[in-house]
Amino acid sequence: MTTPRLAGKRAVVTGASTGIGRAVALACAREGAAVIVNYRNSRDAALDCVAAVRAAGGIAEAVGADVADRAAVACLVDESVALLGGIDLWANVAGADILTGGGALLDDFTKLERLIDTDLRGTMLCCWAATDALRAGRGPAIVNMSWDLALRGLEGRNPQLFAAVKAGISGFTRSLARTLAPEIRVNEVAPGFIATAFAEHDMRDDYRQWVIDSTPLKRFGTPEDVAEAVVYLGSDAASFVTGQTLRVNGGVCS
């Protein structure tokens, strides 16, 4: 039997109640990690994720915290250490939704504030707050979430907003990797077009088909595709990988 890739590790996944975050939490648990399922508002969804992990024989706890709030992040770190006995992997997946529901109706300036607060500020606060706990961990690693289109560009106002913020995460990731080496590895995943709620329900049919046609692998990625990349970067198989961006984009080139 193959040894799970994260066997014995303790993982915190932010924004883990739905979408890519949920897929990352489930994948980490499937690969042997005990998991903290972080959420901000979606407590019921987070508890459902925890229940799914436990039903499969894994270990998981739900912990609510707004990653844009420094005090809340400090509490998230402390509670995670108390529940798991330490932290070996921290995955920053939490992100502001400006594409669906009420988020899509916001003006550009409010969208930008939300992206900066949750995606950029949240990633930075979590990385800084978790550093000491990770140093005491086993093969500690941080995995941040960028965006493939931030690296190669995409037309439109929403893409401009995402690209600016996610490019900030990319620069921060590379600098943090140098700062924390050799004790802690820091990498990022840059997803391309992923079949999340926006792609499945709010994207125009013609644009959806354009994405498929222009992607060498001829499909949207899935949250599970992204989760597999996070698992790899968080595992000992990536022990000589830091400061890198793993693009999960179906082969699209810049």
Protein backbone atom coordinates (compact mmCIF):
# COMPACT_ATOMS: atom_id res chain seq x y z
CA MET A 1 0.00 0.00 0.00
CA THR A 2 1.30 3.46 -0.90
CA THR A 3 2.01 5.74 2.05
CA PRO A 4 -0.22 8.84 1.99
CA ARG A 5 1.78 11.86 0.85
CA LEU A 6 0.89 13.96 3.89
CA ALA A 7 0.86 11.18 6.46
CA GLY A 8 1.37 12.57 9.95
CA LYS A 9 1.21 16.20 8.85
CA ARG A 10 -1.05 18.88 10.27
CA ALA A 11 -2.58 21.29 7.77
CA VAL A 12 -4.50 24.55 7.96
CA VAL A 13 -6.53 25.47 4.87
CA THR A 14 -8.05 28.95 4.77
CA GLY A 15 -11.29 29.50 2.89
CA ALA A 16 -11.93 25.78 3.07
CA SER A 17 -15.72 25.70 3.33
CA THR A 18 -16.41 25.68 -0.42
CA GLY A 19 -14.84 25.54 -3.88
CA ILE A 20 -11.09 25.13 -4.24
CA GLY A 21 -10.52 25.48 -0.51
CA ARG A 22 -12.85 22.59 0.26
CA ALA A 23 -11.14 20.46 -2.38
CA VAL A 24 -7.74 21.26 -0.85
CA ALA A 25 -8.93 20.35 2.64
CA LEU A 26 -10.42 17.06 1.45
CA ALA A 27 -7.29 16.20 -0.54
CA CYS A 28 -5.00 16.93 2.40
CA ALA A 29 -7.12 14.75 4.65
CA ARG A 30 -7.24 11.96 2.07
CA GLU A 31 -3.44 12.06 1.93
CA GLY A 32 -3.15 11.59 5.68
CA ALA A 33 -3.09 15.11 7.15
CA ALA A 34 -5.15 16.28 10.10
CA VAL A 35 -6.90 19.39 8.80
CA ILE A 36 -8.21 22.69 10.10
CA VAL A 37 -11.10 23.80 7.86
CA ASN A 38 -11.08 27.58 8.11
CA TYR A 39 -14.13 29.64 7.18
CA ARG A 40 -15.36 33.20 7.63
CA ASN A 41 -19.17 33.10 7.30
CA SER A 42 -20.04 29.67 5.85
CA ARG A 43 -20.04 27.69 9.09
CA ASP A 44 -22.52 25.07 7.91
CA ALA A 45 -20.51 24.41 4.76
CA ALA A 46 -17.32 24.13 6.83
CA LEU A 47 -18.96 21.64 9.18
CA ASP A 48 -20.12 19.65 6.15
CA CYS A 49 -16.51 19.51 4.93
CA VAL A 50 -15.39 18.34 8.38
CA ALA A 51 -18.09 15.67 8.37
CA ALA A 52 -16.92 14.43 4.96
CA VAL A 53 -13.35 14.13 6.24
CA ARG A 54 -14.42 12.28 9.37
CA ALA A 55 -16.71 9.96 7.42
CA ALA A 56 -13.66 8.88 5.43
CA GLY A 57 -11.72 8.20 8.62
CA GLY A 58 -9.77 11.46 8.72
CA ILE A 59 -9.24 14.14 11.32
CA ALA A 60 -10.66 17.63 10.85
CA GLU A 61 -11.91 20.60 12.83
CA ALA A 62 -13.67 23.77 11.67
CA VAL A 63 -12.30 27.09 12.90
CA GLY A 64 -13.90 30.40 11.97
CA ALA A 65 -11.70 33.44 11.34
CA ASP A 66 -11.58 36.40 8.96
CA VAL A 67 -8.10 36.24 7.42
CA ALA A 68 -8.16 40.00 6.80
CA ASP A 69 -8.31 40.61 10.56
CA ARG A 70 -4.93 40.43 12.29
CA ALA A 71 -6.34 39.51 15.71
CA ALA A 72 -8.56 36.83 14.18
CA VAL A 73 -5.60 35.35 12.31
CA ALA A 74 -3.56 35.18 15.52
CA CYS A 75 -6.44 33.30 17.16
CA LEU A 76 -6.67 30.97 14.15
CA VAL A 77 -3.01 30.05 14.53
CA ASP A 78 -3.29 29.53 18.29
CA GLU A 79 -6.45 27.45 18.02
CA SER A 80 -4.99 25.36 15.20
CA VAL A 81 -1.90 24.57 17.26
CA ALA A 82 -4.07 23.71 20.26
CA LEU A 83 -6.31 21.39 18.23
CA LEU A 84 -3.63 19.70 16.10
CA GLY A 85 -0.57 19.93 18.34
CA GLY A 86 1.31 21.94 15.71
CA ILE A 87 1.24 23.03 12.07
CA ASP A 88 3.23 21.54 9.19
CA LEU A 89 1.35 22.93 6.18
CA TRP A 90 -0.47 26.22 5.76
CA ALA A 91 -2.48 26.67 2.56
CA ASN A 92 -3.80 30.18 1.86
CA VAL A 93 -6.84 29.61 -0.34
CA ALA A 94 -9.31 32.19 1.05
CA GLY A 95 -10.34 34.71 -1.58
CA ALA A 96 -12.93 37.42 -2.07
CA ASP A 97 -15.81 36.63 -4.45
CA ILE A 98 -16.34 39.57 -6.81
CA LEU A 99 -17.77 37.50 -9.66
CA THR A 100 -20.97 35.94 -8.36
CA GLY A 101 -23.99 37.02 -6.30
CA GLY A 102 -23.77 40.36 -4.58
CA GLY A 103 -20.03 40.57 -5.21
CA ALA A 104 -20.61 40.90 -8.94
CA LEU A 105 -22.76 44.01 -8.37
CA LEU A 106 -20.12 45.94 -6.44
CA ASP A 107 -18.35 48.93 -7.95
CA ASP A 108 -14.75 48.47 -9.05
CA PHE A 109 -13.26 50.27 -6.06
CA THR A 110 -15.14 48.12 -3.55
CA LYS A 111 -14.13 44.99 -5.45
CA LEU A 112 -10.51 46.07 -5.29
CA GLU A 113 -10.74 46.71 -1.54
CA ARG A 114 -12.18 43.25 -0.96
CA LEU A 115 -9.51 41.56 -3.05
CA ILE A 116 -6.72 43.44 -1.32
CA ASP A 117 -8.15 42.74 2.14
CA THR A 118 -8.85 39.04 1.72
CA ASP A 119 -6.51 37.76 -0.96
CA LEU A 120 -3.38 39.88 -0.48
CA ARG A 121 -3.57 41.15 3.10
CA GLY A 122 -5.05 37.84 4.28
CA THR A 123 -2.27 35.83 2.69
CA MET A 124 0.41 38.07 4.18
CA LEU A 125 -1.12 38.13 7.66
CA CYS A 126 -1.51 34.36 7.75
CA CYS A 127 2.04 33.73 6.57
CA TRP A 128 3.52 36.10 9.13
CA ALA A 129 1.36 34.82 11.98
CA ALA A 130 1.98 31.13 11.26
CA THR A 131 5.76 31.36 10.84
CA ASP A 132 6.75 30.50 14.42
CA ALA A 133 4.35 27.55 14.60
CA LEU A 134 5.57 26.26 11.23
CA ARG A 135 9.22 26.47 12.29
CA ALA A 136 8.40 23.92 14.98
CA GLY A 137 6.65 21.67 12.43
CA ARG A 138 7.72 18.63 10.47
CA GLY A 139 8.92 19.53 6.96
CA PRO A 140 6.96 22.79 7.14
CA ALA A 141 5.55 24.42 4.02
CA ILE A 142 3.35 27.31 2.97
CA VAL A 143 1.32 27.22 -0.23
CA ASN A 144 -0.23 30.45 -1.49
CA MET A 145 -2.79 30.94 -4.24
CA SER A 146 -2.00 33.19 -7.21
CA TRP A 147 -3.66 33.20 -10.64
CA ASP A 148 -2.29 32.06 -13.98
CA LEU A 149 -3.90 35.00 -15.79
CA ALA A 150 -2.04 37.40 -13.48
CA LEU A 151 1.15 36.05 -15.01
CA ARG A 152 0.11 36.31 -18.66
CA GLY A 153 -2.68 38.92 -18.69
CA LEU A 154 -6.36 38.92 -19.66
CA GLU A 155 -8.56 41.68 -21.05
CA GLY A 156 -11.23 43.21 -18.84
CA ARG A 157 -11.74 45.22 -15.65
CA ASN A 158 -12.24 42.24 -13.30
CA PRO A 159 -9.11 40.55 -14.68
CA GLN A 160 -7.19 43.77 -14.05
CA LEU A 161 -8.27 43.71 -10.41
CA PHE A 162 -7.44 40.05 -9.93
CA ALA A 163 -4.13 40.34 -11.77
CA ALA A 164 -2.91 43.25 -9.67
CA VAL A 165 -3.69 41.50 -6.39
CA LYS A 166 -2.55 38.03 -7.39
CA ALA A 167 0.67 39.38 -8.87
CA GLY A 168 1.26 40.93 -5.46
CA ILE A 169 0.89 37.50 -3.90
CA SER A 170 3.40 36.11 -6.38
CA GLY A 171 6.00 38.73 -5.48
CA PHE A 172 5.35 38.26 -1.78
CA THR A 173 5.68 34.48 -2.13
CA ARG A 174 9.09 34.69 -3.76
CA SER A 175 10.40 37.17 -1.20
CA LEU A 176 8.98 35.18 1.72
CA ALA A 177 10.55 31.99 0.37
CA ARG A 178 13.98 33.61 0.53
CA THR A 179 13.25 35.01 3.99
CA LEU A 180 12.15 31.74 5.54
CA ALA A 181 14.60 29.39 3.83
CA PRO A 182 15.93 26.94 4.74
CA GLU A 183 13.50 26.27 7.61
CA ILE A 184 10.18 26.70 5.75
CA ARG A 185 9.41 26.17 2.07
CA VAL A 186 7.08 28.71 0.43
CA ASN A 187 5.47 28.15 -2.97
CA GLU A 188 2.32 29.10 -4.82
CA VAL A 189 -0.20 27.52 -7.15
CA ALA A 190 -1.47 29.60 -10.08
CA PRO A 191 -4.73 28.11 -11.39
CA GLY A 192 -5.99 28.87 -14.86
CA PHE A 193 -9.68 28.56 -15.74
CA ILE A 194 -11.21 26.36 -13.05
CA ALA A 195 -14.78 25.03 -12.95
CA THR A 196 -15.92 27.02 -9.93
CA ALA A 197 -19.37 28.55 -9.39
CA PHE A 198 -18.67 31.48 -11.71
CA ALA A 199 -17.48 29.32 -14.60
CA GLU A 200 -20.37 26.90 -14.22
CA HIS A 201 -23.25 29.32 -13.70
CA ASP A 202 -22.32 32.90 -14.60
CA MET A 203 -19.94 32.65 -17.55
CA ARG A 204 -21.39 33.18 -21.03
CA ASP A 205 -21.68 30.00 -23.08
CA ASP A 206 -19.61 31.39 -25.94
CA TYR A 207 -16.83 32.45 -23.58
CA ARG A 208 -16.88 29.06 -21.85
CA GLN A 209 -16.44 27.38 -25.22
CA TRP A 210 -13.61 29.77 -26.11
CA VAL A 211 -11.80 28.75 -22.94
CA ILE A 212 -12.13 25.07 -23.80
CA ASP A 213 -11.05 25.57 -27.39
CA SER A 214 -7.99 27.64 -26.42
CA THR A 215 -6.80 25.22 -23.73
CA PRO A 216 -4.53 22.42 -24.98
CA LEU A 217 -6.14 19.88 -22.64
CA LYS A 218 -9.59 20.96 -23.93
CA ARG A 219 -11.38 21.40 -20.64
CA PHE A 220 -11.68 23.56 -17.57
CA GLY A 221 -9.60 22.56 -14.60
CA THR A 222 -11.33 21.28 -11.50
CA PRO A 223 -10.87 22.27 -7.86
CA GLU A 224 -9.39 18.79 -7.39
CA ASP A 225 -6.71 19.55 -10.00
CA VAL A 226 -5.65 22.56 -7.94
CA ALA A 227 -5.82 20.56 -4.72
CA GLU A 228 -3.43 17.95 -6.09
CA ALA A 229 -0.88 20.68 -6.78
CA VAL A 230 -1.21 21.96 -3.22
CA VAL A 231 -0.73 18.46 -1.82
CA TYR A 232 2.42 17.99 -3.88
CA LEU A 233 3.94 21.30 -2.77
CA GLY A 234 3.05 20.57 0.84
CA SER A 235 4.54 17.09 0.77
CA ASP A 236 8.10 15.90 1.31
CA ALA A 237 8.21 15.04 -2.41
CA ALA A 238 8.71 18.79 -2.95
CA SER A 239 11.43 19.10 -0.29
CA PHE A 240 13.80 20.86 -2.74
CA VAL A 241 11.15 23.19 -4.15
CA THR A 242 10.69 26.70 -2.79
CA GLY A 243 9.93 30.14 -4.22
CA GLN A 244 8.18 28.54 -7.21
CA THR A 245 4.88 28.96 -9.04
CA LEU A 246 3.11 25.80 -10.16
CA ARG A 247 0.74 26.75 -12.98
CA VAL A 248 -2.34 24.52 -13.16
CA ASN A 249 -3.72 25.80 -16.44
CA GLY A 250 -4.19 22.92 -18.88
CA GLY A 251 -1.13 23.85 -20.92
CA VAL A 252 -2.05 27.44 -21.80
CA CYS A 253 1.09 29.45 -22.59
CA SER A 254 1.67 33.19 -22.27
